[in-house]
PDB file of all heavy atoms in Angstrom:
ATOM      1  N   TRP A   1     117.242 106.196 106.945  1.00  0.00           N
ATOM      2  CA  TRP A   1     117.700 107.037 108.038  1.00  0.00           C
ATOM      3  C   TRP A   1     117.574 108.487 107.592  1.00  0.00           C
ATOM      4  O   TRP A   1     118.232 108.920 106.650  1.00  0.00           O
ATOM      5  CB  TRP A   1     119.138 106.707 108.408  1.00  0.00           C
ATOM      6  CG  TRP A   1     119.702 107.619 109.457  1.00  0.00           C
ATOM      7  CD1 TRP A   1     120.568 108.663 109.270  1.00  0.00           C
ATOM      8  CD2 TRP A   1     119.446 107.585 110.860  1.00  0.00           C
ATOM      9  NE1 TRP A   1     120.861 109.279 110.458  1.00  0.00           N
ATOM     10  CE2 TRP A   1     120.177 108.628 111.456  1.00  0.00           C
ATOM     11  CE3 TRP A   1     118.656 106.767 111.662  1.00  0.00           C
ATOM     12  CZ2 TRP A   1     120.144 108.873 112.824  1.00  0.00           C
ATOM     13  CZ3 TRP A   1     118.621 107.021 113.025  1.00  0.00           C
ATOM     14  CH2 TRP A   1     119.359 108.054 113.600  1.00  0.00           C
ATOM     15  N   ARG A   2     116.714 109.226 108.254  1.00  0.00           N
ATOM     16  CA  ARG A   2     116.485 110.624 107.935  1.00  0.00           C
ATOM     17  C   ARG A   2     117.165 111.500 108.985  1.00  0.00           C
ATOM     18  O   ARG A   2     116.939 111.332 110.188  1.00  0.00           O
ATOM     19  CB  ARG A   2     114.988 110.927 107.901  1.00  0.00           C
ATOM     20  CG  ARG A   2     114.193 110.164 106.861  1.00  0.00           C
ATOM     21  CD  ARG A   2     114.637 110.471 105.455  1.00  0.00           C
ATOM     22  NE  ARG A   2     113.656 110.015 104.471  1.00  0.00           N
ATOM     23  CZ  ARG A   2     113.830 110.099 103.158  1.00  0.00           C
ATOM     24  NH1 ARG A   2     114.952 110.611 102.673  1.00  0.00           N
ATOM     25  NH2 ARG A   2     112.884 109.667 102.326  1.00  0.00           N
ATOM     26  N   THR A   3     117.976 112.437 108.513  1.00  0.00           N
ATOM     27  CA  THR A   3     118.625 113.356 109.439  1.00  0.00           C
ATOM     28  C   THR A   3     117.618 114.362 109.993  1.00  0.00           C
ATOM     29  O   THR A   3     116.547 114.582 109.421  1.00  0.00           O
ATOM     30  CB  THR A   3     119.762 114.106 108.733  1.00  0.00           C
ATOM     31  OG1 THR A   3     119.224 114.898 107.662  1.00  0.00           O
ATOM     32  CG2 THR A   3     120.791 113.136 108.173  1.00  0.00           C
ATOM     33  N   LYS A   4     117.987 114.976 111.089  1.00  0.00           N
ATOM     34  CA  LYS A   4     117.095 115.939 111.727  1.00  0.00           C
ATOM     35  C   LYS A   4     116.848 117.136 110.817  1.00  0.00           C
ATOM     36  O   LYS A   4     115.722 117.650 110.734  1.00  0.00           O
ATOM     37  CB  LYS A   4     117.707 116.397 113.058  1.00  0.00           C
ATOM     38  CG  LYS A   4     116.830 117.353 113.833  1.00  0.00           C
ATOM     39  CD  LYS A   4     117.463 117.734 115.157  1.00  0.00           C
ATOM     40  CE  LYS A   4     116.575 118.686 115.932  1.00  0.00           C
ATOM     41  NZ  LYS A   4     117.194 119.067 117.235  1.00  0.00           N
ATOM     42  N   ILE A   5     117.875 117.564 110.097  1.00  0.00           N
ATOM     43  CA  ILE A   5     117.718 118.709 109.189  1.00  0.00           C
ATOM     44  C   ILE A   5     116.738 118.369 108.079  1.00  0.00           C
ATOM     45  O   ILE A   5     115.892 119.192 107.700  1.00  0.00           O
ATOM     46  CB  ILE A   5     119.093 119.114 108.621  1.00  0.00           C
ATOM     47  CG1 ILE A   5     120.020 119.561 109.750  1.00  0.00           C
ATOM     48  CG2 ILE A   5     118.946 120.205 107.579  1.00  0.00           C
ATOM     49  CD1 ILE A   5     121.418 119.896 109.287  1.00  0.00           C
ATOM     50  N   TRP A   6     116.828 117.145 107.548  1.00  0.00           N
ATOM     51  CA  TRP A   6     115.938 116.752 106.459  1.00  0.00           C
ATOM     52  C   TRP A   6     114.490 116.718 106.935  1.00  0.00           C
ATOM     53  O   TRP A   6     113.585 117.183 106.234  1.00  0.00           O
ATOM     54  CB  TRP A   6     116.348 115.379 105.934  1.00  0.00           C
ATOM     55  CG  TRP A   6     115.590 114.944 104.724  1.00  0.00           C
ATOM     56  CD1 TRP A   6     115.930 115.119 103.418  1.00  0.00           C
ATOM     57  CD2 TRP A   6     114.322 114.260 104.710  1.00  0.00           C
ATOM     58  NE1 TRP A   6     114.975 114.591 102.586  1.00  0.00           N
ATOM     59  CE2 TRP A   6     113.967 114.056 103.351  1.00  0.00           C
ATOM     60  CE3 TRP A   6     113.450 113.799 105.687  1.00  0.00           C
ATOM     61  CZ2 TRP A   6     112.786 113.419 102.968  1.00  0.00           C
ATOM     62  CZ3 TRP A   6     112.276 113.179 105.309  1.00  0.00           C
ATOM     63  CH2 TRP A   6     111.946 112.984 103.968  1.00  0.00           C
ATOM     64  N   VAL A   7     114.238 116.160 108.113  1.00  0.00           N
ATOM     65  CA  VAL A   7     112.872 116.053 108.630  1.00  0.00           C
ATOM     66  C   VAL A   7     112.296 117.433 108.894  1.00  0.00           C
ATOM     67  O   VAL A   7     111.117 117.698 108.606  1.00  0.00           O
ATOM     68  CB  VAL A   7     112.847 115.184 109.898  1.00  0.00           C
ATOM     69  CG1 VAL A   7     111.451 115.145 110.498  1.00  0.00           C
ATOM     70  CG2 VAL A   7     113.308 113.765 109.587  1.00  0.00           C
ATOM     71  N   GLU A   8     113.106 118.333 109.432  1.00  0.00           N
ATOM     72  CA  GLU A   8     112.609 119.679 109.725  1.00  0.00           C
ATOM     73  C   GLU A   8     112.234 120.425 108.448  1.00  0.00           C
ATOM     74  O   GLU A   8     111.326 121.268 108.463  1.00  0.00           O
ATOM     75  CB  GLU A   8     113.669 120.455 110.498  1.00  0.00           C
ATOM     76  CG  GLU A   8     113.851 119.963 111.927  1.00  0.00           C
ATOM     77  CD  GLU A   8     114.981 120.675 112.639  1.00  0.00           C
ATOM     78  OE1 GLU A   8     115.774 121.356 111.958  1.00  0.00           O
ATOM     79  OE2 GLU A   8     115.073 120.551 113.874  1.00  0.00           O
ATOM     80  N   LYS A   9     112.904 120.143 107.342  1.00  0.00           N
ATOM     81  CA  LYS A   9     112.564 120.791 106.076  1.00  0.00           C
ATOM     82  C   LYS A   9     111.377 120.121 105.400  1.00  0.00           C
ATOM     83  O   LYS A   9     110.514 120.793 104.839  1.00  0.00           O
ATOM     84  CB  LYS A   9     113.773 120.770 105.142  1.00  0.00           C
ATOM     85  CG  LYS A   9     114.908 121.679 105.571  1.00  0.00           C
ATOM     86  CD  LYS A   9     116.040 121.646 104.563  1.00  0.00           C
ATOM     87  CE  LYS A   9     117.151 122.600 104.960  1.00  0.00           C
ATOM     88  NZ  LYS A   9     118.273 122.578 103.979  1.00  0.00           N
ATOM     89  N   ALA A  10     111.333 118.788 105.440  1.00  0.00           N
ATOM     90  CA  ALA A  10     110.275 118.060 104.738  1.00  0.00           C
ATOM     91  C   ALA A  10     108.963 118.063 105.517  1.00  0.00           C
ATOM     92  O   ALA A  10     107.886 118.252 104.935  1.00  0.00           O
ATOM     93  CB  ALA A  10     110.720 116.626 104.475  1.00  0.00           C
ATOM     94  N   TYR A  11     109.030 117.850 106.840  1.00  0.00           N
ATOM     95  CA  TYR A  11     107.824 117.788 107.671  1.00  0.00           C
ATOM     96  C   TYR A  11     108.017 118.679 108.895  1.00  0.00           C
ATOM     97  O   TYR A  11     108.288 118.180 110.003  1.00  0.00           O
ATOM     98  CB  TYR A  11     107.532 116.353 108.087  1.00  0.00           C
ATOM     99  CG  TYR A  11     107.553 115.365 106.944  1.00  0.00           C
ATOM    100  CD1 TYR A  11     108.523 114.370 106.876  1.00  0.00           C
ATOM    101  CD2 TYR A  11     106.610 115.422 105.919  1.00  0.00           C
ATOM    102  CE1 TYR A  11     108.546 113.455 105.827  1.00  0.00           C
ATOM    103  CE2 TYR A  11     106.622 114.518 104.867  1.00  0.00           C
ATOM    104  CZ  TYR A  11     107.599 113.543 104.828  1.00  0.00           C
ATOM    105  OH  TYR A  11     107.632 112.650 103.786  1.00  0.00           O
ATOM    106  N   PRO A  12     107.924 119.995 108.742  1.00  0.00           N
ATOM    107  CA  PRO A  12     108.211 120.899 109.871  1.00  0.00           C
ATOM    108  C   PRO A  12     107.270 120.707 111.054  1.00  0.00           C
ATOM    109  O   PRO A  12     107.710 120.778 112.204  1.00  0.00           O
ATOM    110  CB  PRO A  12     108.071 122.298 109.251  1.00  0.00           C
ATOM    111  CG  PRO A  12     107.237 122.101 108.027  1.00  0.00           C
ATOM    112  CD  PRO A  12     107.547 120.738 107.530  1.00  0.00           C
ATOM    113  N   GLU A  13     105.990 120.462 110.797  1.00  0.00           N
ATOM    114  CA  GLU A  13     105.049 120.295 111.903  1.00  0.00           C
ATOM    115  C   GLU A  13     105.277 118.970 112.622  1.00  0.00           C
ATOM    116  O   GLU A  13     105.185 118.883 113.847  1.00  0.00           O
ATOM    117  CB  GLU A  13     103.612 120.365 111.378  1.00  0.00           C
ATOM    118  CG  GLU A  13     103.253 121.712 110.778  1.00  0.00           C
ATOM    119  CD  GLU A  13     103.353 122.833 111.797  1.00  0.00           C
ATOM    120  OE1 GLU A  13     103.106 122.561 112.996  1.00  0.00           O
ATOM    121  OE2 GLU A  13     103.669 123.967 111.413  1.00  0.00           O
ATOM    122  N   LEU A  14     105.588 117.932 111.859  1.00  0.00           N
ATOM    123  CA  LEU A  14     105.808 116.624 112.460  1.00  0.00           C
ATOM    124  C   LEU A  14     107.121 116.580 113.227  1.00  0.00           C
ATOM    125  O   LEU A  14     107.243 115.837 114.214  1.00  0.00           O
ATOM    126  CB  LEU A  14     105.805 115.555 111.361  1.00  0.00           C
ATOM    127  CG  LEU A  14     105.712 114.094 111.796  1.00  0.00           C
ATOM    128  CD1 LEU A  14     104.411 113.841 112.538  1.00  0.00           C
ATOM    129  CD2 LEU A  14     105.834 113.171 110.585  1.00  0.00           C
ATOM    130  N   ALA A  15     108.113 117.360 112.806  1.00  0.00           N
ATOM    131  CA  ALA A  15     109.417 117.343 113.468  1.00  0.00           C
ATOM    132  C   ALA A  15     109.333 117.810 114.916  1.00  0.00           C
ATOM    133  O   ALA A  15     110.145 117.413 115.750  1.00  0.00           O
ATOM    134  CB  ALA A  15     110.404 118.203 112.691  1.00  0.00           C
ATOM    135  N   LYS A  16     108.342 118.659 115.229  1.00  0.00           N
ATOM    136  CA  LYS A  16     108.206 119.150 116.597  1.00  0.00           C
ATOM    137  C   LYS A  16     107.776 118.058 117.567  1.00  0.00           C
ATOM    138  O   LYS A  16     107.980 118.191 118.778  1.00  0.00           O
ATOM    139  CB  LYS A  16     107.190 120.297 116.631  1.00  0.00           C
ATOM    140  CG  LYS A  16     107.563 121.470 115.730  1.00  0.00           C
ATOM    141  CD  LYS A  16     106.462 122.522 115.716  1.00  0.00           C
ATOM    142  CE  LYS A  16     106.789 123.666 114.775  1.00  0.00           C
ATOM    143  NZ  LYS A  16     105.708 124.681 114.717  1.00  0.00           N
ATOM    144  N   LYS A  17     107.174 116.979 117.046  1.00  0.00           N
ATOM    145  CA  LYS A  17     106.680 115.908 117.905  1.00  0.00           C
ATOM    146  C   LYS A  17     107.645 114.729 117.998  1.00  0.00           C
ATOM    147  O   LYS A  17     107.382 113.796 118.752  1.00  0.00           O
ATOM    148  CB  LYS A  17     105.335 115.410 117.384  1.00  0.00           C
ATOM    149  CG  LYS A  17     104.302 116.491 117.157  1.00  0.00           C
ATOM    150  CD  LYS A  17     103.042 115.924 116.543  1.00  0.00           C
ATOM    151  CE  LYS A  17     102.033 117.002 116.211  1.00  0.00           C
ATOM    152  NZ  LYS A  17     100.807 116.435 115.570  1.00  0.00           N
ATOM    153  N   LEU A  18     108.732 114.761 117.240  1.00  0.00           N
ATOM    154  CA  LEU A  18     109.625 113.612 117.163  1.00  0.00           C
ATOM    155  C   LEU A  18     110.797 113.759 118.116  1.00  0.00           C
ATOM    156  O   LEU A  18     111.221 114.869 118.454  1.00  0.00           O
ATOM    157  CB  LEU A  18     110.150 113.446 115.727  1.00  0.00           C
ATOM    158  CG  LEU A  18     109.094 113.141 114.655  1.00  0.00           C
ATOM    159  CD1 LEU A  18     109.722 113.152 113.276  1.00  0.00           C
ATOM    160  CD2 LEU A  18     108.418 111.802 114.925  1.00  0.00           C
ATOM    161  N   ARG A  19     111.330 112.616 118.499  1.00  0.00           N
ATOM    162  CA  ARG A  19     112.528 112.574 119.347  1.00  0.00           C
ATOM    163  C   ARG A  19     113.671 111.982 118.522  1.00  0.00           C
ATOM    164  O   ARG A  19     113.636 110.816 118.128  1.00  0.00           O
ATOM    165  CB  ARG A  19     112.279 111.719 120.592  1.00  0.00           C
ATOM    166  CG  ARG A  19     113.481 111.603 121.509  1.00  0.00           C
ATOM    167  CD  ARG A  19     113.176 110.728 122.708  1.00  0.00           C
ATOM    168  NE  ARG A  19     114.340 110.549 123.551  1.00  0.00           N
ATOM    169  CZ  ARG A  19     115.240 109.589 123.369  1.00  0.00           C
ATOM    170  NH1 ARG A  19     115.092 108.732 122.360  1.00  0.00           N
ATOM    171  NH2 ARG A  19     116.278 109.475 124.178  1.00  0.00           N
ATOM    172  N   PHE A  20     114.687 112.784 118.257  1.00  0.00           N
ATOM    173  CA  PHE A  20     115.799 112.381 117.418  1.00  0.00           C
ATOM    174  C   PHE A  20     116.902 111.739 118.253  1.00  0.00           C
ATOM    175  O   PHE A  20     117.048 112.023 119.441  1.00  0.00           O
ATOM    176  CB  PHE A  20     116.348 113.573 116.636  1.00  0.00           C
ATOM    177  CG  PHE A  20     115.344 114.180 115.696  1.00  0.00           C
ATOM    178  CD1 PHE A  20     114.542 115.240 116.107  1.00  0.00           C
ATOM    179  CD2 PHE A  20     115.191 113.697 114.420  1.00  0.00           C
ATOM    180  CE1 PHE A  20     113.619 115.805 115.254  1.00  0.00           C
ATOM    181  CE2 PHE A  20     114.260 114.251 113.551  1.00  0.00           C
ATOM    182  CZ  PHE A  20     113.476 115.310 113.969  1.00  0.00           C
ATOM    183  N   ASP A  21     117.683 110.884 117.595  1.00  0.00           N
ATOM    184  CA  ASP A  21     118.739 110.162 118.292  1.00  0.00           C
ATOM    185  C   ASP A  21     119.961 110.085 117.387  1.00  0.00           C
ATOM    186  O   ASP A  21     119.903 110.396 116.195  1.00  0.00           O
ATOM    187  CB  ASP A  21     118.263 108.754 118.667  1.00  0.00           C
ATOM    188  CG  ASP A  21     119.034 108.199 119.850  1.00  0.00           C
ATOM    189  OD1 ASP A  21     120.102 108.763 120.177  1.00  0.00           O
ATOM    190  OD2 ASP A  21     118.584 107.197 120.428  1.00  0.00           O
ATOM    191  N   LYS A  22     121.076 109.599 117.967  1.00  0.00           N
ATOM    192  CA  LYS A  22     122.323 109.481 117.219  1.00  0.00           C
ATOM    193  C   LYS A  22     122.349 108.244 116.319  1.00  0.00           C
ATOM    194  O   LYS A  22     123.080 108.210 115.341  1.00  0.00           O
ATOM    195  CB  LYS A  22     123.508 109.408 118.192  1.00  0.00           C
ATOM    196  CG  LYS A  22     123.789 110.704 118.929  1.00  0.00           C
ATOM    197  CD  LYS A  22     124.411 111.735 118.015  1.00  0.00           C
ATOM    198  CE  LYS A  22     124.824 112.968 118.778  1.00  0.00           C
ATOM    199  NZ  LYS A  22     125.473 113.989 117.903  1.00  0.00           N
ATOM    200  N   SER A  23     121.561 107.241 116.668  1.00  0.00           N
ATOM    201  CA  SER A  23     121.588 105.997 115.906  1.00  0.00           C
ATOM    202  C   SER A  23     120.196 105.395 115.874  1.00  0.00           C
ATOM    203  O   SER A  23     119.349 105.685 116.726  1.00  0.00           O
ATOM    204  CB  SER A  23     122.572 105.004 116.538  1.00  0.00           C
ATOM    205  OG  SER A  23     122.547 103.764 115.861  1.00  0.00           O
ATOM    206  N   SER A  24     119.976 104.549 114.885  1.00  0.00           N
ATOM    207  CA  SER A  24     118.695 103.869 114.755  1.00  0.00           C
ATOM    208  C   SER A  24     118.648 102.641 115.647  1.00  0.00           C
ATOM    209  O   SER A  24     119.679 102.020 115.944  1.00  0.00           O
ATOM    210  CB  SER A  24     118.474 103.461 113.291  1.00  0.00           C
ATOM    211  OG  SER A  24     117.333 102.651 113.166  1.00  0.00           O
ATOM    212  N   ASN A  25     117.453 102.273 116.061  1.00  0.00           N
ATOM    213  CA  ASN A  25     117.278 101.044 116.820  1.00  0.00           C
ATOM    214  C   ASN A  25     117.294  99.804 115.928  1.00  0.00           C
ATOM    215  O   ASN A  25     117.412  98.691 116.438  1.00  0.00           O
ATOM    216  CB  ASN A  25     115.958 101.077 117.597  1.00  0.00           C
ATOM    217  CG  ASN A  25     115.963 102.118 118.704  1.00  0.00           C
ATOM    218  OD1 ASN A  25     117.024 102.563 119.140  1.00  0.00           O
ATOM    219  ND2 ASN A  25     114.784 102.526 119.142  1.00  0.00           N
ATOM    220  N   GLU A  26     117.156 100.000 114.630  1.00  0.00           N
ATOM    221  CA  GLU A  26     117.160  98.874 113.709  1.00  0.00           C
ATOM    222  C   GLU A  26     118.598  98.489 113.372  1.00  0.00           C
ATOM    223  O   GLU A  26     119.380  99.313 112.910  1.00  0.00           O
ATOM    224  CB  GLU A  26     116.397  99.225 112.428  1.00  0.00           C
ATOM    225  CG  GLU A  26     114.945  99.621 112.649  1.00  0.00           C
ATOM    226  CD  GLU A  26     114.108  98.474 113.191  1.00  0.00           C
ATOM    227  OE1 GLU A  26     114.583  97.317 113.145  1.00  0.00           O
ATOM    228  OE2 GLU A  26     112.993  98.730 113.655  1.00  0.00           O
ATOM    229  N   ARG A  27     118.908  97.232 113.591  1.00  0.00           N
ATOM    230  CA  ARG A  27     120.265  96.760 113.332  1.00  0.00           C
ATOM    231  C   ARG A  27     120.636  96.889 111.853  1.00  0.00           C
ATOM    232  O   ARG A  27     121.792  97.143 111.508  1.00  0.00           O
ATOM    233  CB  ARG A  27     120.386  95.299 113.786  1.00  0.00           C
ATOM    234  CG  ARG A  27     121.760  94.707 113.569  1.00  0.00           C
ATOM    235  CD  ARG A  27     121.791  93.254 114.006  1.00  0.00           C
ATOM    236  NE  ARG A  27     123.074  92.660 113.736  1.00  0.00           N
ATOM    237  CZ  ARG A  27     124.121  92.732 114.529  1.00  0.00           C
ATOM    238  NH1 ARG A  27     124.033  93.406 115.661  1.00  0.00           N
ATOM    239  NH2 ARG A  27     125.262  92.166 114.214  1.00  0.00           N
ATOM    240  N   SER A  28     119.674  96.704 110.972  1.00  0.00           N
ATOM    241  CA  SER A  28     119.947  96.791 109.537  1.00  0.00           C
ATOM    242  C   SER A  28     120.475  98.171 109.165  1.00  0.00           C
ATOM    243  O   SER A  28     121.445  98.297 108.408  1.00  0.00           O
ATOM    244  CB  SER A  28     118.683  96.477 108.742  1.00  0.00           C
ATOM    245  OG  SER A  28     118.223  95.168 109.002  1.00  0.00           O
ATOM    246  N   LEU A  29     119.841  99.225 109.697  1.00  0.00           N
ATOM    247  CA  LEU A  29     120.303 100.571 109.400  1.00  0.00           C
ATOM    248  C   LEU A  29     121.626 100.884 110.084  1.00  0.00           C
ATOM    249  O   LEU A  29     122.427 101.672 109.572  1.00  0.00           O
ATOM    250  CB  LEU A  29     119.246 101.588 109.816  1.00  0.00           C
ATOM    251  CG  LEU A  29     118.002 101.676 108.937  1.00  0.00           C
ATOM    252  CD1 LEU A  29     117.071 102.775 109.424  1.00  0.00           C
ATOM    253  CD2 LEU A  29     118.378 101.918 107.484  1.00  0.00           C
ATOM    254  N   GLN A  30     121.882 100.282 111.243  1.00  0.00           N
ATOM    255  CA  GLN A  30     123.177 100.465 111.896  1.00  0.00           C
ATOM    256  C   GLN A  30     124.303  99.928 111.023  1.00  0.00           C
ATOM    257  O   GLN A  30     125.342 100.577 110.849  1.00  0.00           O
ATOM    258  CB  GLN A  30     123.176  99.771 113.259  1.00  0.00           C
ATOM    259  CG  GLN A  30     122.254 100.394 114.286  1.00  0.00           C
ATOM    260  CD  GLN A  30     122.226  99.599 115.580  1.00  0.00           C
ATOM    261  OE1 GLN A  30     122.938  98.605 115.737  1.00  0.00           O
ATOM    262  NE2 GLN A  30     121.393 100.014 116.516  1.00  0.00           N
ATOM    263  N   LEU A  31     124.092  98.755 110.454  1.00  0.00           N
ATOM    264  CA  LEU A  31     125.097  98.179 109.572  1.00  0.00           C
ATOM    265  C   LEU A  31     125.273  99.014 108.315  1.00  0.00           C
ATOM    266  O   LEU A  31     126.401  99.255 107.863  1.00  0.00           O
ATOM    267  CB  LEU A  31     124.693  96.749 109.200  1.00  0.00           C
ATOM    268  CG  LEU A  31     124.774  95.707 110.314  1.00  0.00           C
ATOM    269  CD1 LEU A  31     124.048  94.431 109.910  1.00  0.00           C
ATOM    270  CD2 LEU A  31     126.222  95.393 110.636  1.00  0.00           C
ATOM    271  N   LEU A  32     124.170  99.456 107.734  1.00  0.00           N
ATOM    272  CA  LEU A  32     124.248 100.230 106.505  1.00  0.00           C
ATOM    273  C   LEU A  32     124.957 101.556 106.737  1.00  0.00           C
ATOM    274  O   LEU A  32     125.781 101.986 105.914  1.00  0.00           O
ATOM    275  CB  LEU A  32     122.841 100.474 105.962  1.00  0.00           C
ATOM    276  CG  LEU A  32     122.760 101.175 104.604  1.00  0.00           C
ATOM    277  CD1 LEU A  32     123.404 100.334 103.523  1.00  0.00           C
ATOM    278  CD2 LEU A  32     121.307 101.474 104.245  1.00  0.00           C
ATOM    279  N   ARG A  33     124.673 102.214 107.842  1.00  0.00           N
ATOM    280  CA  ARG A  33     125.331 103.491 108.141  1.00  0.00           C
ATOM    281  C   ARG A  33     126.803 103.293 108.460  1.00  0.00           C
ATOM    282  O   ARG A  33     127.633 104.177 108.206  1.00  0.00           O
ATOM    283  CB  ARG A  33     124.645 104.183 109.316  1.00  0.00           C
ATOM    284  CG  ARG A  33     123.215 104.643 109.045  1.00  0.00           C
ATOM    285  CD  ARG A  33     122.780 105.652 110.080  1.00  0.00           C
ATOM    286  NE  ARG A  33     123.537 106.881 109.965  1.00  0.00           N
ATOM    287  CZ  ARG A  33     123.770 107.700 110.979  1.00  0.00           C
ATOM    288  NH1 ARG A  33     123.340 107.400 112.193  1.00  0.00           N
ATOM    289  NH2 ARG A  33     124.452 108.804 110.803  1.00  0.00           N
TER     290      ARG A  33
END
């Protein structure tokens, strides 16, 4: 699970094309978080 701040710093050009959300669609990451 990558936060929006992390993505904007690591991949600034790619972050402009992404749609961020409050939670992941993957159940595994929901449980882990």
